[in-house]
Amino acid sequence: STFAASTVSPLILAAVSVIVPLTTATKPTDPTLVSAQAGTSS
């Protein structure tokens, strides 16, 4: 929408398609937090 389609290289579009998902990916769960999960018994 910003540039004319004829001025944008297909290679740039492909690179952006790869970069965007990486920058918005969910951070993996910290394994140390999983091991610290606790519960109680009476």
Full PDB file with SEQRES, HELIX, SHEET, SSBOND, CRYST1, ORIGX, SCALE, CONECT and MASTER records, all heavy atoms in Angstrom:
SEQRES   1 A   42  SER THR PHE ALA ALA SER THR VAL SER PRO LEU ILE LEU          
SEQRES   2 A   42  ALA ALA VAL SER VAL ILE VAL PRO LEU THR THR ALA THR          
SEQRES   3 A   42  LYS PRO THR ASP PRO THR LEU VAL SER ALA GLN ALA GLY          
SEQRES   4 A   42  THR SER SER                                                  
HELIX    1 AA1 ALA A    5  THR A    7  5                                   3    
HELIX    2 AA2 PRO A   10  THR A   23  1                                  14    
HELIX    3 AA3 PRO A   31  SER A   35  1                                   5    
CRYST1    1.000    1.000    1.000  90.00  90.00  90.00 P 1           1          
ORIGX1      1.000000  0.000000  0.000000        0.00000                         
ORIGX2      0.000000  1.000000  0.000000        0.00000                         
ORIGX3      0.000000  0.000000  1.000000        0.00000                         
SCALE1      1.000000  0.000000  0.000000        0.00000                         
SCALE2      0.000000  1.000000  0.000000        0.00000                         
SCALE3      0.000000  0.000000  1.000000        0.00000                         
ATOM      1  N   SER A   1       0.812  -1.214   0.000  1.00  0.00           N  
ATOM      2  CA  SER A   1       0.000   0.000   0.000  1.00  0.00           C  
ATOM      3  C   SER A   1       0.842   1.259   0.000  1.00  0.00           C  
ATOM      4  O   SER A   1       0.353   2.343  -0.278  1.00  0.00           O  
ATOM      5  CB  SER A   1      -0.920  -0.003   1.234  1.00  0.00           C  
ATOM      6  OG  SER A   1      -0.136   0.012   2.405  1.00  0.00           O  
ATOM      7  N   THR A   2       2.136   1.129   0.366  1.00  0.00           N  
ATOM      8  CA  THR A   2       3.001   2.314   0.446  1.00  0.00           C  
ATOM      9  C   THR A   2       3.770   2.553  -0.840  1.00  0.00           C  
ATOM     10  O   THR A   2       4.007   3.682  -1.264  1.00  0.00           O  
ATOM     11  CB  THR A   2       3.983   2.164   1.611  1.00  0.00           C  
ATOM     12  OG1 THR A   2       3.241   1.875   2.802  1.00  0.00           O  
ATOM     13  CG2 THR A   2       4.777   3.446   1.827  1.00  0.00           C  
ATOM     14  N   PHE A   3       4.186   1.474  -1.429  1.00  0.00           N  
ATOM     15  CA  PHE A   3       4.978   1.577  -2.646  1.00  0.00           C  
ATOM     16  C   PHE A   3       4.240   0.917  -3.798  1.00  0.00           C  
ATOM     17  O   PHE A   3       3.426   0.031  -3.591  1.00  0.00           O  
ATOM     18  CB  PHE A   3       6.360   0.906  -2.478  1.00  0.00           C  
ATOM     19  CG  PHE A   3       7.135   1.475  -1.321  1.00  0.00           C  
ATOM     20  CD1 PHE A   3       7.162   0.801  -0.107  1.00  0.00           C  
ATOM     21  CD2 PHE A   3       7.819   2.668  -1.437  1.00  0.00           C  
ATOM     22  CE1 PHE A   3       7.865   1.307   0.965  1.00  0.00           C  
ATOM     23  CE2 PHE A   3       8.528   3.164  -0.353  1.00  0.00           C  
ATOM     24  CZ  PHE A   3       8.550   2.496   0.848  1.00  0.00           C  
ATOM     25  N   ALA A   4       4.573   1.333  -4.978  1.00  0.00           N  
ATOM     26  CA  ALA A   4       4.006   0.675  -6.160  1.00  0.00           C  
ATOM     27  C   ALA A   4       4.543  -0.732  -6.223  1.00  0.00           C  
ATOM     28  O   ALA A   4       5.704  -0.994  -5.907  1.00  0.00           O  
ATOM     29  CB  ALA A   4       4.408   1.439  -7.438  1.00  0.00           C  
ATOM     30  N   ALA A   5       3.682  -1.626  -6.638  1.00  0.00           N  
ATOM     31  CA  ALA A   5       4.078  -3.031  -6.661  1.00  0.00           C  
ATOM     32  C   ALA A   5       5.283  -3.260  -7.539  1.00  0.00           C  
ATOM     33  O   ALA A   5       6.104  -4.130  -7.269  1.00  0.00           O  
ATOM     34  CB  ALA A   5       2.901  -3.880  -7.140  1.00  0.00           C  
ATOM     35  N   SER A   6       5.421  -2.455  -8.576  1.00  0.00           N  
ATOM     36  CA  SER A   6       6.527  -2.656  -9.518  1.00  0.00           C  
ATOM     37  C   SER A   6       7.856  -2.238  -8.932  1.00  0.00           C  
ATOM     38  O   SER A   6       8.896  -2.594  -9.450  1.00  0.00           O  
ATOM     39  CB  SER A   6       6.260  -1.857 -10.808  1.00  0.00           C  
ATOM     40  OG  SER A   6       6.153  -0.471 -10.506  1.00  0.00           O  
ATOM     41  N   THR A   7       7.834  -1.424  -7.802  1.00  0.00           N  
ATOM     42  CA  THR A   7       9.095  -0.940  -7.228  1.00  0.00           C  
ATOM     43  C   THR A   7       9.555  -1.797  -6.062  1.00  0.00           C  
ATOM     44  O   THR A   7      10.593  -1.555  -5.500  1.00  0.00           O  
ATOM     45  CB  THR A   7       8.935   0.509  -6.745  1.00  0.00           C  
ATOM     46  OG1 THR A   7       7.943   0.523  -5.711  1.00  0.00           O  
ATOM     47  CG2 THR A   7       8.502   1.418  -7.872  1.00  0.00           C  
ATOM     48  N   VAL A   8       8.738  -2.779  -5.657  1.00  0.00           N  
ATOM     49  CA  VAL A   8       9.103  -3.607  -4.518  1.00  0.00           C  
ATOM     50  C   VAL A   8       9.597  -4.959  -5.024  1.00  0.00           C  
ATOM     51  O   VAL A   8       8.878  -5.667  -5.719  1.00  0.00           O  
ATOM     52  CB  VAL A   8       7.900  -3.819  -3.582  1.00  0.00           C  
ATOM     53  CG1 VAL A   8       8.329  -4.709  -2.416  1.00  0.00           C  
ATOM     54  CG2 VAL A   8       7.378  -2.484  -3.100  1.00  0.00           C  
ATOM     55  N   SER A   9      10.797  -5.276  -4.623  1.00  0.00           N  
ATOM     56  CA  SER A   9      11.381  -6.537  -5.068  1.00  0.00           C  
ATOM     57  C   SER A   9      10.692  -7.705  -4.396  1.00  0.00           C  
ATOM     58  O   SER A   9      10.412  -7.664  -3.197  1.00  0.00           O  
ATOM     59  CB  SER A   9      12.878  -6.561  -4.726  1.00  0.00           C  
ATOM     60  OG  SER A   9      13.389  -7.850  -4.902  1.00  0.00           O  
ATOM     61  N   PRO A  10      10.392  -8.738  -5.138  1.00  0.00           N  
ATOM     62  CA  PRO A  10       9.809  -9.955  -4.527  1.00  0.00           C  
ATOM     63  C   PRO A  10      10.694 -10.515  -3.422  1.00  0.00           C  
ATOM     64  O   PRO A  10      10.215 -11.109  -2.476  1.00  0.00           O  
ATOM     65  CB  PRO A  10       9.718 -10.926  -5.697  1.00  0.00           C  
ATOM     66  CG  PRO A  10       9.640 -10.037  -6.909  1.00  0.00           C  
ATOM     67  CD  PRO A  10      10.509  -8.859  -6.601  1.00  0.00           C  
ATOM     68  N   LEU A  11      12.003 -10.301  -3.520  1.00  0.00           N  
ATOM     69  CA  LEU A  11      12.908 -10.788  -2.484  1.00  0.00           C  
ATOM     70  C   LEU A  11      12.693 -10.065  -1.172  1.00  0.00           C  
ATOM     71  O   LEU A  11      12.778 -10.638  -0.089  1.00  0.00           O  
ATOM     72  CB  LEU A  11      14.370 -10.631  -2.939  1.00  0.00           C  
ATOM     73  CG  LEU A  11      14.817 -11.526  -4.107  1.00  0.00           C  
ATOM     74  CD1 LEU A  11      16.258 -11.206  -4.503  1.00  0.00           C  
ATOM     75  CD2 LEU A  11      14.686 -12.994  -3.720  1.00  0.00           C  
ATOM     76  N   ILE A  12      12.405  -8.730  -1.226  1.00  0.00           N  
ATOM     77  CA  ILE A  12      12.157  -7.947  -0.013  1.00  0.00           C  
ATOM     78  C   ILE A  12      10.894  -8.430   0.659  1.00  0.00           C  
ATOM     79  O   ILE A  12      10.820  -8.606   1.870  1.00  0.00           O  
ATOM     80  CB  ILE A  12      12.062  -6.435  -0.345  1.00  0.00           C  
ATOM     81  CG1 ILE A  12      13.428  -5.929  -0.855  1.00  0.00           C  
ATOM     82  CG2 ILE A  12      11.599  -5.648   0.867  1.00  0.00           C  
ATOM     83  CD1 ILE A  12      13.415  -4.479  -1.255  1.00  0.00           C  
ATOM     84  N   LEU A  13       9.841  -8.642  -0.152  1.00  0.00           N  
ATOM     85  CA  LEU A  13       8.577  -9.112   0.408  1.00  0.00           C  
ATOM     86  C   LEU A  13       8.757 -10.471   1.093  1.00  0.00           C  
ATOM     87  O   LEU A  13       8.202 -10.721   2.169  1.00  0.00           O  
ATOM     88  CB  LEU A  13       7.529  -9.239  -0.697  1.00  0.00           C  
ATOM     89  CG  LEU A  13       6.956  -7.925  -1.236  1.00  0.00           C  
ATOM     90  CD1 LEU A  13       6.049  -8.211  -2.412  1.00  0.00           C  
ATOM     91  CD2 LEU A  13       6.213  -7.176  -0.146  1.00  0.00           C  
ATOM     92  N   ALA A  14       9.543 -11.322   0.502  1.00  0.00           N  
ATOM     93  CA  ALA A  14       9.775 -12.636   1.079  1.00  0.00           C  
ATOM     94  C   ALA A  14      10.528 -12.530   2.395  1.00  0.00           C  
ATOM     95  O   ALA A  14      10.239 -13.235   3.358  1.00  0.00           O  
ATOM     96  CB  ALA A  14      10.542 -13.515   0.096  1.00  0.00           C  
ATOM     97  N   ALA A  15      11.516 -11.592   2.446  1.00  0.00           N  
ATOM     98  CA  ALA A  15      12.298 -11.410   3.665  1.00  0.00           C  
ATOM     99  C   ALA A  15      11.435 -10.899   4.792  1.00  0.00           C  
ATOM    100  O   ALA A  15      11.536 -11.335   5.932  1.00  0.00           O  
ATOM    101  CB  ALA A  15      13.469 -10.440   3.400  1.00  0.00           C  
ATOM    102  N   VAL A  16      10.544  -9.923   4.490  1.00  0.00           N  
ATOM    103  CA  VAL A  16       9.655  -9.361   5.504  1.00  0.00           C  
ATOM    104  C   VAL A  16       8.719 -10.426   6.034  1.00  0.00           C  
ATOM    105  O   VAL A  16       8.425 -10.502   7.220  1.00  0.00           O  
ATOM    106  CB  VAL A  16       8.862  -8.169   4.935  1.00  0.00           C  
ATOM    107  CG1 VAL A  16       7.777  -7.731   5.929  1.00  0.00           C  
ATOM    108  CG2 VAL A  16       9.805  -7.011   4.631  1.00  0.00           C  
ATOM    109  N   SER A  17       8.244 -11.295   5.153  1.00  0.00           N  
ATOM    110  CA  SER A  17       7.327 -12.361   5.567  1.00  0.00           C  
ATOM    111  C   SER A  17       7.987 -13.285   6.574  1.00  0.00           C  
ATOM    112  O   SER A  17       7.331 -13.859   7.437  1.00  0.00           O  
ATOM    113  CB  SER A  17       6.862 -13.168   4.346  1.00  0.00           C  
ATOM    114  OG  SER A  17       6.147 -12.337   3.451  1.00  0.00           O  
ATOM    115  N   VAL A  18       9.314 -13.442   6.469  1.00  0.00           N  
ATOM    116  CA  VAL A  18      10.040 -14.287   7.402  1.00  0.00           C  
ATOM    117  C   VAL A  18      10.312 -13.556   8.695  1.00  0.00           C  
ATOM    118  O   VAL A  18      10.173 -14.084   9.787  1.00  0.00           O  
ATOM    119  CB  VAL A  18      11.370 -14.779   6.779  1.00  0.00           C  
ATOM    120  CG1 VAL A  18      12.220 -15.504   7.818  1.00  0.00           C  
ATOM    121  CG2 VAL A  18      11.077 -15.674   5.588  1.00  0.00           C  
ATOM    122  N   ILE A  19      10.677 -12.266   8.616  1.00  0.00           N  
ATOM    123  CA  ILE A  19      11.063 -11.486   9.793  1.00  0.00           C  
ATOM    124  C   ILE A  19       9.892 -11.251  10.723  1.00  0.00           C  
ATOM    125  O   ILE A  19      10.000 -11.397  11.928  1.00  0.00           O  
ATOM    126  CB  ILE A  19      11.685 -10.132   9.369  1.00  0.00           C  
ATOM    127  CG1 ILE A  19      13.020 -10.373   8.657  1.00  0.00           C  
ATOM    128  CG2 ILE A  19      11.861  -9.214  10.566  1.00  0.00           C  
ATOM    129  CD1 ILE A  19      13.619  -9.138   8.040  1.00  0.00           C  
ATOM    130  N   VAL A  20       8.725 -10.902  10.173  1.00  0.00           N  
ATOM    131  CA  VAL A  20       7.587 -10.498  11.009  1.00  0.00           C  
ATOM    132  C   VAL A  20       7.171 -11.584  11.981  1.00  0.00           C  
ATOM    133  O   VAL A  20       7.020 -11.339  13.166  1.00  0.00           O  
ATOM    134  CB  VAL A  20       6.399 -10.050  10.132  1.00  0.00           C  
ATOM    135  CG1 VAL A  20       5.153  -9.857  10.986  1.00  0.00           C  
ATOM    136  CG2 VAL A  20       6.758  -8.748   9.409  1.00  0.00           C  
ATOM    137  N   PRO A  21       6.963 -12.845  11.548  1.00  0.00           N  
ATOM    138  CA  PRO A  21       6.573 -13.872  12.523  1.00  0.00           C  
ATOM    139  C   PRO A  21       7.592 -14.081  13.624  1.00  0.00           C  
ATOM    140  O   PRO A  21       7.238 -14.364  14.748  1.00  0.00           O  
ATOM    141  CB  PRO A  21       6.424 -15.131  11.666  1.00  0.00           C  
ATOM    142  CG  PRO A  21       6.153 -14.622  10.284  1.00  0.00           C  
ATOM    143  CD  PRO A  21       6.970 -13.369  10.167  1.00  0.00           C  
ATOM    144  N   LEU A  22       8.902 -13.920  13.289  1.00  0.00           N  
ATOM    145  CA  LEU A  22       9.918 -14.117  14.302  1.00  0.00           C  
ATOM    146  C   LEU A  22       9.851 -13.054  15.369  1.00  0.00           C  
ATOM    147  O   LEU A  22      10.088 -13.316  16.542  1.00  0.00           O  
ATOM    148  CB  LEU A  22      11.314 -14.123  13.653  1.00  0.00           C  
ATOM    149  CG  LEU A  22      11.641 -15.332  12.770  1.00  0.00           C  
ATOM    150  CD1 LEU A  22      13.019 -15.152  12.143  1.00  0.00           C  
ATOM    151  CD2 LEU A  22      11.586 -16.617  13.596  1.00  0.00           C  
ATOM    152  N   THR A  23       9.519 -11.832  15.041  1.00  0.00           N  
ATOM    153  CA  THR A  23       9.485 -10.742  16.009  1.00  0.00           C  
ATOM    154  C   THR A  23       8.233 -10.768  16.855  1.00  0.00           C  
ATOM    155  O   THR A  23       8.169 -10.114  17.876  1.00  0.00           O  
ATOM    156  CB  THR A  23       9.583  -9.383  15.288  1.00  0.00           C  
ATOM    157  OG1 THR A  23       8.496  -9.276  14.362  1.00  0.00           O  
ATOM    158  CG2 THR A  23      10.892  -9.237  14.547  1.00  0.00           C  
ATOM    159  N   THR A  24       7.208 -11.530  16.469  1.00  0.00           N  
ATOM    160  CA  THR A  24       5.970 -11.575  17.243  1.00  0.00           C  
ATOM    161  C   THR A  24       5.740 -12.943  17.867  1.00  0.00           C  
ATOM    162  O   THR A  24       4.688 -13.198  18.404  1.00  0.00           O  
ATOM    163  CB  THR A  24       4.765 -11.235  16.327  1.00  0.00           C  
ATOM    164  OG1 THR A  24       4.723 -12.177  15.255  1.00  0.00           O  
ATOM    165  CG2 THR A  24       4.883  -9.829  15.785  1.00  0.00           C  
ATOM    166  N   ALA A  25       6.741 -13.810  17.811  1.00  0.00           N  
ATOM    167  CA  ALA A  25       6.575 -15.162  18.346  1.00  0.00           C  
ATOM    168  C   ALA A  25       6.449 -15.129  19.859  1.00  0.00           C  
ATOM    169  O   ALA A  25       7.021 -14.276  20.532  1.00  0.00           O  
ATOM    170  CB  ALA A  25       7.777 -16.032  17.945  1.00  0.00           C  
ATOM    171  N   THR A  26       5.696 -16.074  20.439  1.00  0.00           N  
ATOM    172  CA  THR A  26       5.527 -16.172  21.882  1.00  0.00           C  
ATOM    173  C   THR A  26       6.784 -16.735  22.511  1.00  0.00           C  
ATOM    174  O   THR A  26       7.354 -17.716  22.040  1.00  0.00           O  
ATOM    175  CB  THR A  26       4.349 -17.098  22.227  1.00  0.00           C  
ATOM    176  OG1 THR A  26       3.171 -16.589  21.604  1.00  0.00           O  
ATOM    177  CG2 THR A  26       4.151 -17.178  23.742  1.00  0.00           C  
ATOM    178  N   LYS A  27       7.200 -16.114  23.635  1.00  0.00           N  
ATOM    179  CA  LYS A  27       8.404 -16.566  24.319  1.00  0.00           C  
ATOM    180  C   LYS A  27       8.170 -17.947  24.926  1.00  0.00           C  
ATOM    181  O   LYS A  27       7.162 -18.179  25.563  1.00  0.00           O  
ATOM    182  CB  LYS A  27       8.762 -15.583  25.440  1.00  0.00           C  
ATOM    183  CG  LYS A  27      10.074 -15.923  26.137  1.00  0.00           C  
ATOM    184  CD  LYS A  27      10.371 -14.895  27.205  1.00  0.00           C  
ATOM    185  CE  LYS A  27      11.677 -15.233  27.931  1.00  0.00           C  
ATOM    186  NZ  LYS A  27      12.002 -14.261  28.972  1.00  0.00           N  
ATOM    187  N   PRO A  28       9.095 -18.891  24.735  1.00  0.00           N  
ATOM    188  CA  PRO A  28       8.918 -20.238  25.298  1.00  0.00           C  
ATOM    189  C   PRO A  28       8.798 -20.191  26.812  1.00  0.00           C  
ATOM    190  O   PRO A  28       9.338 -19.307  27.469  1.00  0.00           O  
ATOM    191  CB  PRO A  28      10.206 -20.960  24.870  1.00  0.00           C  
ATOM    192  CG  PRO A  28      10.737 -20.166  23.723  1.00  0.00           C  
ATOM    193  CD  PRO A  28      10.338 -18.752  23.981  1.00  0.00           C  
ATOM    194  N   THR A  29       8.081 -21.149  27.389  1.00  0.00           N  
ATOM    195  CA  THR A  29       7.934 -21.226  28.833  1.00  0.00           C  
ATOM    196  C   THR A  29       9.265 -21.542  29.488  1.00  0.00           C  
ATOM    197  O   THR A  29      10.001 -22.406  29.039  1.00  0.00           O  
ATOM    198  CB  THR A  29       6.920 -22.332  29.206  1.00  0.00           C  
ATOM    199  OG1 THR A  29       5.679 -22.032  28.568  1.00  0.00           O  
ATOM    200  CG2 THR A  29       6.717 -22.399  30.711  1.00  0.00           C  
ATOM    201  N   ASP A  30       9.549 -20.798  30.568  1.00  0.00           N  
ATOM    202  CA  ASP A  30      10.796 -21.016  31.285  1.00  0.00           C  
ATOM    203  C   ASP A  30      10.724 -22.371  31.988  1.00  0.00           C  
ATOM    204  O   ASP A  30       9.869 -22.590  32.840  1.00  0.00           O  
ATOM    205  CB  ASP A  30      10.972 -19.897  32.318  1.00  0.00           C  
ATOM    206  CG  ASP A  30      12.312 -19.978  33.033  1.00  0.00           C  
ATOM    207  OD1 ASP A  30      12.984 -21.023  32.946  1.00  0.00           O  
ATOM    208  OD2 ASP A  30      12.678 -19.000  33.691  1.00  0.00           O  
ATOM    209  N   PRO A  31      11.614 -23.307  31.673  1.00  0.00           N  
ATOM    210  CA  PRO A  31      11.537 -24.640  32.280  1.00  0.00           C  
ATOM    211  C   PRO A  31      11.708 -24.621  33.784  1.00  0.00           C  
ATOM    212  O   PRO A  31      11.222 -25.498  34.490  1.00  0.00           O  
ATOM    213  CB  PRO A  31      12.676 -25.410  31.600  1.00  0.00           C  
ATOM    214  CG  PRO A  31      13.607 -24.356  31.094  1.00  0.00           C  
ATOM    215  CD  PRO A  31      12.724 -23.193  30.724  1.00  0.00           C  
ATOM    216  N   THR A  32      12.408 -23.608  34.345  1.00  0.00           N  
ATOM    217  CA  THR A  32      12.588 -23.536  35.790  1.00  0.00           C  
ATOM    218  C   THR A  32      11.281 -23.210  36.487  1.00  0.00           C  
ATOM    219  O   THR A  32      11.063 -23.594  37.633  1.00  0.00           O  
ATOM    220  CB  THR A  32      13.635 -22.475  36.155  1.00  0.00           C  
ATOM    221  OG1 THR A  32      13.176 -21.184  35.705  1.00  0.00           O  
ATOM    222  CG2 THR A  32      14.960 -22.764  35.517  1.00  0.00           C  
ATOM    223  N   LEU A  33      10.376 -22.491  35.820  1.00  0.00           N  
ATOM    224  CA  LEU A  33       9.079 -22.188  36.405  1.00  0.00           C  
ATOM    225  C   LEU A  33       8.197 -23.425  36.427  1.00  0.00           C  
ATOM    226  O   LEU A  33       7.440 -23.652  37.364  1.00  0.00           O  
ATOM    227  CB  LEU A  33       8.390 -21.065  35.615  1.00  0.00           C  
ATOM    228  CG  LEU A  33       9.091 -19.706  35.628  1.00  0.00           C  
ATOM    229  CD1 LEU A  33       8.295 -18.716  34.789  1.00  0.00           C  
ATOM    230  CD2 LEU A  33       9.242 -19.189  37.044  1.00  0.00           C  
ATOM    231  N   VAL A  34       8.309 -24.245  35.414  1.00  0.00           N  
ATOM    232  CA  VAL A  34       7.522 -25.478  35.368  1.00  0.00           C  
ATOM    233  C   VAL A  34       7.918 -26.407  36.513  1.00  0.00           C  
ATOM    234  O   VAL A  34       7.080 -26.989  37.185  1.00  0.00           O  
ATOM    235  CB  VAL A  34       7.706 -26.188  34.016  1.00  0.00           C  
ATOM    236  CG1 VAL A  34       7.001 -27.538  34.013  1.00  0.00           C  
ATOM    237  CG2 VAL A  34       7.176 -25.313  32.891  1.00  0.00           C  
ATOM    238  N   SER A  35       9.227 -26.526  36.762  1.00  0.00           N  
ATOM    239  CA  SER A  35       9.698 -27.435  37.799  1.00  0.00           C  
ATOM    240  C   SER A  35       9.347 -26.949  39.187  1.00  0.00           C  
ATOM    241  O   SER A  35       9.396 -27.710  40.140  1.00  0.00           O  
ATOM    242  CB  SER A  35      11.223 -27.613  37.702  1.00  0.00           C  
ATOM    243  OG  SER A  35      11.876 -26.378  37.951  1.00  0.00           O  
ATOM    244  N   ALA A  36       8.985 -25.666  39.340  1.00  0.00           N  
ATOM    245  CA  ALA A  36       8.676 -25.104  40.652  1.00  0.00           C  
ATOM    246  C   ALA A  36       7.191 -25.142  40.973  1.00  0.00           C  
ATOM    247  O   ALA A  36       6.777 -24.673  42.013  1.00  0.00           O  
ATOM    248  CB  ALA A  36       9.192 -23.665  40.733  1.00  0.00           C  
ATOM    249  N   GLN A  37       6.373 -25.685  40.077  1.00  0.00           N  
ATOM    250  CA  GLN A  37       4.948 -25.754  40.339  1.00  0.00           C  
ATOM    251  C   GLN A  37       4.692 -26.633  41.558  1.00  0.00           C  
ATOM    252  O   GLN A  37       5.258 -27.697  41.701  1.00  0.00           O  
ATOM    253  CB  GLN A  37       4.205 -26.317  39.124  1.00  0.00           C  
ATOM    254  CG  GLN A  37       4.181 -25.353  37.942  1.00  0.00           C  
ATOM    255  CD  GLN A  37       3.488 -25.960  36.743  1.00  0.00           C  
ATOM    256  OE1 GLN A  37       3.242 -27.148  36.712  1.00  0.00           O  
ATOM    257  NE2 GLN A  37       3.180 -25.142  35.759  1.00  0.00           N  
ATOM    258  N   ALA A  38       3.827 -26.147  42.454  1.00  0.00           N  
ATOM    259  CA  ALA A  38       3.595 -26.850  43.708  1.00  0.00           C  
ATOM    260  C   ALA A  38       2.127 -27.137  43.907  1.00  0.00           C  
ATOM    261  O   ALA A  38       1.263 -26.582  43.230  1.00  0.00           O  
ATOM    262  CB  ALA A  38       4.139 -26.023  44.873  1.00  0.00           C  
ATOM    263  N   GLY A  39       1.829 -28.007  44.873  1.00  0.00           N  
ATOM    264  CA  GLY A  39       0.462 -28.324  45.235  1.00  0.00           C  
ATOM    265  C   GLY A  39       0.450 -28.754  46.695  1.00  0.00           C  
ATOM    266  O   GLY A  39       1.503 -28.988  47.295  1.00  0.00           O  
ATOM    267  N   THR A  40      -0.733 -28.865  47.290  1.00  0.00           N  
ATOM    268  CA  THR A  40      -0.821 -29.246  48.694  1.00  0.00           C  
ATOM    269  C   THR A  40      -1.679 -30.488  48.876  1.00  0.00           C  
ATOM    270  O   THR A  40      -2.564 -30.773  48.072  1.00  0.00           O  
ATOM    271  CB  THR A  40      -1.406 -28.099  49.537  1.00  0.00           C  
ATOM    272  OG1 THR A  40      -2.722 -27.780  49.050  1.00  0.00           O  
ATOM    273  CG2 THR A  40      -0.531 -26.859  49.470  1.00  0.00           C  
ATOM    274  N   SER A  41      -1.391 -31.213  49.936  1.00  0.00           N  
ATOM    275  CA  SER A  41      -2.172 -32.367  50.346  1.00  0.00           C  
ATOM    276  C   SER A  41      -2.431 -32.233  51.841  1.00  0.00           C  
ATOM    277  O   SER A  41      -1.578 -31.739  52.586  1.00  0.00           O  
ATOM    278  CB  SER A  41      -1.425 -33.676  50.072  1.00  0.00           C  
ATOM    279  OG  SER A  41      -1.173 -33.834  48.693  1.00  0.00           O  
ATOM    280  N   SER A  42      -3.606 -32.650  52.265  1.00  0.00           N  
ATOM    281  CA  SER A  42      -3.977 -32.532  53.679  1.00  0.00           C  
ATOM    282  C   SER A  42      -4.178 -33.918  54.280  1.00  0.00           C  
ATOM    283  O   SER A  42      -4.864 -34.763  53.709  1.00  0.00           O  
ATOM    284  CB  SER A  42      -5.253 -31.700  53.816  1.00  0.00           C  
ATOM    285  OG  SER A  42      -5.590 -31.526  55.172  1.00  0.00           O  
TER     286      SER A  42                                                      
MASTER        0    0    0    3    0    0    0    6  285    1    0    4          
END                                                                             
